[in-house]
């Protein structure tokens, strides 16, 4: 019996893929689409499935930046009024394969949404407040990490430490609801033009690559679930070759959240108990026979002919 997860997500992505076809390169489209297909891969019921552990999480992500400083360096009419502290809620799921008793490989997915605007002076896309939005970004933080586990006691409590590469797959479209004047203070036509610039910026120069490191701990709630927390940090490796004029804190991401893990049956099958009972030795079955009957022996002596004397001979003798 096969199991398919998140079948609806790729279907919803197809319509968006048509729109993005002429805006992203073929290689990037394949990368995005393959990420949507990862959870849909059919996993047949076999021993491999027994080593898969699922977990569901909810986090708060902090995109560190110094956008408030850049807001005052630009002309008044183009002042970004960016969000100086972008704190985003995120929902996530992870699937871990137990490679060894204390080591497993995990595939993680965290989803977030944020409005962006483009700073034309710095050629820099930054998170912004809703009234200054130009593009809407749906981000999919896809991580491939190794997780080391240290069990504590026999109750199921576990300490986790992990790290690995993460790809931030960001889908960029023009922000929604730009028509109302009271809600949107910019130019709708200008927002559509800048959306392309925001997309190129986020996908260019390796800005989609964010290695992650983190620690976490799980506590047993009951026989079915573990409740834990995670503290994670994503590192902007791309700052080594680009965006060097921005603040040093820019590009770092921090996350803290809770996660719940369905527990598997941890009771290992015990070997059968062998009880040695005394066994009586088996003997061959005895065939019962009728008791022998005793017949008395009767001796009958029959005189020989020579010993028989007639009456006449007896009288002659007399």
Protein backbone atom coordinates (compact mmCIF):
# COMPACT_ATOMS: atom_id res chain seq x y z
CA UNK A 1 0.00 0.00 0.00
CA UNK A 2 1.51 3.35 -0.99
CA UNK A 3 1.28 6.68 0.85
CA UNK A 4 1.11 10.06 -0.94
CA UNK A 5 1.57 13.31 0.99
CA UNK A 6 0.66 16.88 -0.03
CA UNK A 7 -0.89 16.08 -3.37
CA UNK A 8 -2.74 19.41 -3.53
CA UNK A 9 0.37 21.63 -3.32
CA UNK A 10 1.79 20.73 -6.76
CA UNK A 11 -1.64 21.18 -8.35
CA UNK A 12 -1.91 24.71 -6.96
CA UNK A 13 1.61 25.42 -8.15
CA UNK A 14 0.87 24.50 -11.79
CA UNK A 15 -1.06 27.70 -12.47
CA UNK A 16 1.67 29.78 -10.92
CA UNK A 17 4.28 27.88 -12.90
CA UNK A 18 2.69 29.01 -16.17
CA UNK A 19 2.99 32.62 -15.06
CA UNK A 20 6.61 32.19 -13.98
CA UNK A 21 7.70 30.27 -17.07
CA UNK A 22 8.97 33.34 -18.92
CA UNK A 23 10.40 35.02 -15.81
CA UNK A 24 12.63 32.28 -14.40
CA UNK A 25 15.18 30.14 -16.14
CA UNK A 26 14.31 26.54 -16.92
CA UNK A 27 16.79 25.24 -14.34
CA UNK A 28 15.23 27.30 -11.57
CA UNK A 29 11.74 26.19 -12.56
CA UNK A 30 12.81 22.55 -12.40
CA UNK A 31 14.32 23.17 -8.96
CA UNK A 32 11.12 24.78 -7.67
CA UNK A 33 8.85 22.15 -9.14
CA UNK A 34 11.00 19.28 -7.87
CA UNK A 35 10.75 20.68 -4.34
CA UNK A 36 6.96 20.53 -4.57
CA UNK A 37 7.16 16.96 -5.80
CA UNK A 38 9.42 15.70 -3.02
CA UNK A 39 6.59 15.03 -0.55
CA UNK A 40 4.52 13.39 -3.27
CA UNK A 41 7.01 10.63 -3.99
CA UNK A 42 5.26 7.34 -3.35
CA UNK A 43 6.74 5.38 -0.49
CA UNK A 44 5.71 1.76 -0.49
CA UNK A 45 5.20 -0.08 2.73
CA UNK A 46 8.49 -1.76 3.42
CA UNK A 47 11.11 -1.86 6.21
CA UNK A 48 12.47 1.54 5.02
CA UNK A 49 9.20 3.19 6.07
CA UNK A 50 9.63 1.93 9.62
CA UNK A 51 12.72 4.15 9.97
CA UNK A 52 10.92 7.35 8.86
CA UNK A 53 9.97 9.79 11.64
CA UNK A 54 7.62 12.71 10.90
CA UNK A 55 7.42 15.93 12.90
CA UNK A 56 5.26 19.08 12.62
CA UNK A 57 6.41 22.49 13.78
CA UNK A 58 5.38 26.10 14.21
CA UNK A 59 8.04 28.81 14.43
CA UNK A 60 8.71 32.53 14.53
CA UNK A 61 11.35 33.60 12.00
CA UNK A 62 13.37 36.78 12.41
CA UNK A 63 14.98 38.21 9.26
CA UNK A 64 17.80 40.32 10.67
CA UNK A 65 18.51 43.56 8.81
CA UNK A 66 19.20 47.23 9.33
CA UNK A 67 16.52 48.53 7.01
CA UNK A 68 15.70 51.53 9.20
CA UNK A 69 19.11 53.03 8.37
CA UNK A 70 18.57 52.66 4.62
CA UNK A 71 15.16 54.35 4.84
CA UNK A 72 16.75 57.71 5.63
CA UNK A 73 19.50 57.50 3.03
CA UNK A 74 17.10 57.55 0.09
CA UNK A 75 15.12 60.49 -1.32
CA UNK A 76 11.88 61.28 0.44
CA UNK A 77 9.69 60.23 -2.48
CA UNK A 78 11.38 56.81 -2.59
CA UNK A 79 11.79 56.30 1.16
CA UNK A 80 11.33 52.54 1.61
CA UNK A 81 9.90 52.71 5.14
CA UNK A 82 11.04 49.12 5.34
CA UNK A 83 10.21 46.74 8.13
CA UNK A 84 13.20 47.04 10.51
CA UNK A 85 12.39 43.78 12.28
CA UNK A 86 10.70 41.27 10.02
CA UNK A 87 9.21 38.64 12.37
CA UNK A 88 7.22 36.05 10.46
CA UNK A 89 5.12 33.07 11.58
CA UNK A 90 6.07 29.84 9.86
CA UNK A 91 4.65 26.34 9.59
CA UNK A 92 6.89 23.38 8.94
CA UNK A 93 7.16 19.64 8.52
CA UNK A 94 10.14 17.31 8.61
CA UNK A 95 10.79 13.71 7.69
CA UNK A 96 13.78 11.97 9.23
CA UNK A 97 15.37 8.69 8.24
CA UNK A 98 17.09 6.85 11.08
CA UNK A 99 20.51 6.00 9.65
CA UNK A 100 21.96 4.86 12.95
CA UNK A 101 20.89 4.72 16.59
CA UNK A 102 22.13 8.27 17.25
CA UNK A 103 22.14 9.74 13.74
CA UNK A 104 19.45 10.46 11.17
CA UNK A 105 19.03 12.36 7.92
CA UNK A 106 16.19 14.89 7.84
CA UNK A 107 14.37 16.70 5.06
CA UNK A 108 12.68 19.83 6.41
CA UNK A 109 10.25 22.33 4.90
CA UNK A 110 9.29 25.69 6.47
CA UNK A 111 6.80 28.00 4.76
CA UNK A 112 6.54 31.74 5.29
CA UNK A 113 4.94 34.76 3.55
CA UNK A 114 6.15 38.37 3.42
CA UNK A 115 5.69 41.61 1.47
CA UNK A 116 8.78 43.07 -0.22
CA UNK A 117 9.78 46.33 -1.87
CA UNK A 118 12.76 47.32 -3.99
CA UNK A 119 15.29 50.05 -3.14
CA UNK A 120 16.36 51.49 -6.48
CA UNK A 121 19.40 53.34 -5.03
CA UNK A 122 20.94 50.28 -3.41
CA UNK A 123 19.44 47.78 -5.86
CA UNK A 124 18.26 45.92 -2.79
CA UNK A 125 15.02 44.01 -2.13
CA UNK A 126 13.88 44.29 1.48
CA UNK A 127 10.93 43.19 3.60
CA UNK A 128 8.51 46.05 4.10
CA UNK A 129 5.33 47.13 5.82
CA UNK A 130 2.01 46.34 4.08
CA UNK A 131 1.35 49.94 2.99
CA UNK A 132 4.63 49.99 1.01
CA UNK A 133 4.37 46.55 -0.56
CA UNK A 134 5.34 45.95 -4.17
CA UNK A 135 5.73 42.17 -4.29
CA UNK A 136 4.38 39.24 -2.36
CA UNK A 137 6.91 36.51 -1.54
CA UNK A 138 6.07 32.95 -0.54
CA UNK A 139 9.19 31.31 0.83
CA UNK A 140 9.90 27.60 1.16
CA UNK A 141 12.94 26.89 3.31
CA UNK A 142 13.99 23.42 2.21
CA UNK A 143 16.68 21.88 4.39
CA UNK A 144 18.82 18.77 4.05
CA UNK A 145 20.46 18.14 7.39
CA UNK A 146 22.11 15.54 9.58
CA UNK A 147 20.71 15.28 13.08
CA UNK A 148 22.52 13.79 16.04
CA UNK A 149 20.35 12.57 18.93
CA UNK A 150 21.26 11.97 22.55
CA UNK A 151 18.59 10.10 24.56
CA UNK A 152 18.16 11.04 28.20
CA UNK A 153 16.80 8.33 30.45
CA UNK A 154 14.29 5.75 29.38
CA UNK A 155 11.21 7.98 29.17
CA UNK A 156 11.88 9.12 25.58
CA UNK A 157 13.48 12.54 26.25
CA UNK A 158 15.95 13.43 23.47
CA UNK A 159 18.45 16.23 22.81
CA UNK A 160 19.00 17.05 19.12
CA UNK A 161 21.79 18.92 17.32
CA UNK A 162 21.69 19.36 13.56
CA UNK A 163 23.03 21.24 10.58
CA UNK A 164 23.17 21.21 6.79
CA UNK A 165 22.46 23.13 3.58
CA UNK A 166 19.16 24.96 3.10
CA UNK A 167 17.65 26.33 -0.09
CA UNK A 168 15.21 29.24 0.21
CA UNK A 169 12.85 28.81 -2.73
CA UNK A 170 10.99 32.12 -2.99
CA UNK A 171 8.04 32.56 -5.32
CA UNK A 172 7.64 36.23 -6.16
CA UNK A 173 4.48 37.80 -7.58
CA UNK A 174 3.03 41.30 -7.60
CA UNK A 175 1.48 42.14 -4.26
CA UNK A 176 -2.27 41.70 -3.85
CA UNK A 177 -4.79 44.53 -3.51
CA UNK A 178 -2.73 47.46 -4.76
CA UNK A 179 -5.75 49.45 -5.98
CA UNK A 180 -7.12 51.01 -2.77
CA UNK A 181 -5.45 54.39 -2.23
CA UNK A 182 -5.84 54.24 1.54
CA UNK A 183 -4.15 50.84 1.70
CA UNK A 184 -1.39 51.30 -0.84
CA UNK A 185 0.68 54.49 -1.15
CA UNK A 186 2.78 53.62 -4.21
CA UNK A 187 2.22 53.31 -7.93
CA UNK A 188 0.66 50.03 -9.07
CA UNK A 189 2.45 50.12 -12.44
CA UNK A 190 5.75 50.80 -10.73
CA UNK A 191 5.11 47.89 -8.33
CA UNK A 192 4.66 45.47 -11.21
CA UNK A 193 7.90 46.63 -12.77
CA UNK A 194 9.81 46.31 -9.50
CA UNK A 195 8.47 42.82 -8.89
CA UNK A 196 10.76 41.56 -11.64
CA UNK A 197 13.72 43.32 -10.01
CA UNK A 198 12.88 41.78 -6.63
CA UNK A 199 12.69 38.34 -8.21
CA UNK A 200 16.06 38.73 -9.90
CA UNK A 201 17.64 40.00 -6.71
CA UNK A 202 16.38 37.13 -4.52
CA UNK A 203 17.41 34.48 -7.05
CA UNK A 204 20.71 36.05 -8.02
CA UNK A 205 24.23 35.74 -6.61
CA UNK A 206 23.39 32.66 -4.55
CA UNK A 207 21.06 34.53 -2.17
CA UNK A 208 18.88 31.44 -2.05
CA UNK A 209 21.55 29.40 -0.22
CA UNK A 210 21.37 29.52 3.60
CA UNK A 211 23.12 26.77 5.59
CA UNK A 212 21.39 26.11 8.92
CA UNK A 213 22.50 24.95 12.37
CA UNK A 214 20.35 24.37 15.39
CA UNK A 215 19.60 22.53 18.59
CA UNK A 216 16.39 21.14 20.01
CA UNK A 217 14.92 18.98 22.72
CA UNK A 218 11.92 16.64 22.82
CA UNK A 219 9.88 15.71 25.88
CA UNK A 220 7.40 12.84 26.13
CA UNK A 221 3.83 14.07 26.50
CA UNK A 222 2.17 10.69 26.46
CA UNK A 223 2.57 7.36 24.76
CA UNK A 224 1.72 8.85 21.35
CA UNK A 225 3.48 12.23 21.11
CA UNK A 226 6.71 14.08 21.87
CA UNK A 227 6.64 17.87 22.41
CA UNK A 228 9.83 19.79 21.72
CA UNK A 229 11.40 23.12 20.88
CA UNK A 230 13.99 24.25 18.32
CA UNK A 231 16.44 27.15 18.08
CA UNK A 232 17.89 27.65 14.59
CA UNK A 233 20.20 30.02 12.74
CA UNK A 234 20.54 30.43 8.95
CA UNK A 235 23.83 31.87 7.69
CA UNK A 236 24.11 34.19 4.61
CA UNK A 237 27.10 32.56 2.93
CA UNK A 238 26.49 34.68 -0.18
CA UNK A 239 27.67 37.76 1.77
CA UNK A 240 31.22 36.54 1.12
CA UNK A 241 30.98 37.65 -2.53
CA UNK A 242 28.04 40.06 -2.76
CA UNK A 243 26.05 42.69 -0.81
CA UNK A 244 29.17 43.69 1.11
CA UNK A 245 27.95 47.29 1.38
CA UNK A 246 24.99 46.24 3.54
CA UNK A 247 25.04 45.98 7.32
CA UNK A 248 26.85 42.93 8.71
CA UNK A 249 23.72 41.58 10.36
CA UNK A 250 21.82 41.60 7.07
CA UNK A 251 20.90 38.18 5.71
CA UNK A 252 21.04 36.26 8.98
CA UNK A 253 17.87 34.50 10.02
CA UNK A 254 16.91 33.22 13.42
CA UNK A 255 14.06 30.94 14.36
CA UNK A 256 12.52 29.62 17.54
CA UNK A 257 9.56 27.30 17.62
CA UNK A 258 7.75 24.27 18.93
CA UNK A 259 7.42 20.90 17.31
CA UNK A 260 5.34 17.82 17.90
CA UNK A 261 6.47 14.34 16.92
CA UNK A 262 4.19 11.30 16.75
CA UNK A 263 5.86 8.52 18.69
CA UNK A 264 6.34 5.13 17.20
CA UNK A 265 5.94 1.91 19.09
CA UNK A 266 9.14 1.90 21.10
CA UNK A 267 8.43 -1.43 22.73
CA UNK A 268 10.74 -3.85 21.05
CA UNK A 269 9.51 -7.40 20.60
CA UNK A 270 10.93 -9.60 23.30
CA UNK A 271 12.24 -13.05 22.53
CA UNK A 272 9.84 -15.83 23.46
CA UNK A 273 10.21 -17.19 26.94
CA UNK A 274 11.13 -20.85 26.92
CA UNK A 275 9.99 -22.87 29.91
CA UNK A 276 11.62 -26.23 30.30
CA UNK A 277 9.06 -28.64 31.71
CA UNK A 278 9.96 -32.18 32.76
CA UNK A 279 9.09 -34.56 30.02
CA UNK A 280 8.38 -38.21 30.78
CA UNK A 281 10.39 -40.61 28.68
CA UNK A 282 8.36 -42.11 25.95
CA UNK A 283 8.17 -45.90 25.90
CA UNK A 284 6.96 -48.12 23.18
CA UNK A 285 3.34 -49.02 23.58
CA UNK A 286 2.84 -52.50 25.00
CA UNK A 287 0.50 -54.75 23.15
CA UNK A 288 -1.84 -56.41 25.56
CA UNK A 289 -2.30 -60.12 24.86
CA UNK A 290 -4.76 -62.49 26.35
CA UNK A 291 -3.41 -64.39 29.33
CA UNK A 292 -2.28 -67.88 28.58
CA UNK A 293 -4.75 -70.52 29.67
CA UNK A 294 -3.50 -73.40 31.76
CA UNK A 295 -4.60 -76.80 30.67
CA UNK A 296 -3.91 -79.69 33.15
CA UNK A 297 -1.86 -82.48 31.67
CA UNK A 298 -3.41 -85.98 31.88
CA UNK A 299 -1.15 -88.93 31.29
CA UNK A 300 -2.76 -91.95 29.71
CA UNK A 301 -0.74 -95.10 29.57
CA UNK A 302 -1.73 -97.54 26.88
CA UNK A 303 -0.28 -101.04 27.37
CA UNK A 304 1.51 -102.59 24.50
CA UNK A 305 0.07 -105.51 22.69
CA UNK A 306 2.74 -107.80 24.00
CA UNK A 307 1.85 -106.89 27.50
CA UNK A 308 -1.81 -107.70 27.08
CA UNK A 309 -2.70 -111.15 28.23
CA UNK A 310 -5.86 -112.81 27.28
CA UNK A 311 -8.04 -114.60 29.75
CA UNK A 312 -7.18 -117.95 28.22
CA UNK A 313 -3.52 -117.47 28.75
CA UNK A 314 -4.12 -116.45 32.25
CA UNK A 315 -6.07 -119.59 32.98
CA UNK A 316 -3.38 -121.79 31.39
CA UNK A 317 -0.89 -120.31 33.66
CA UNK A 318 -2.96 -121.24 36.56
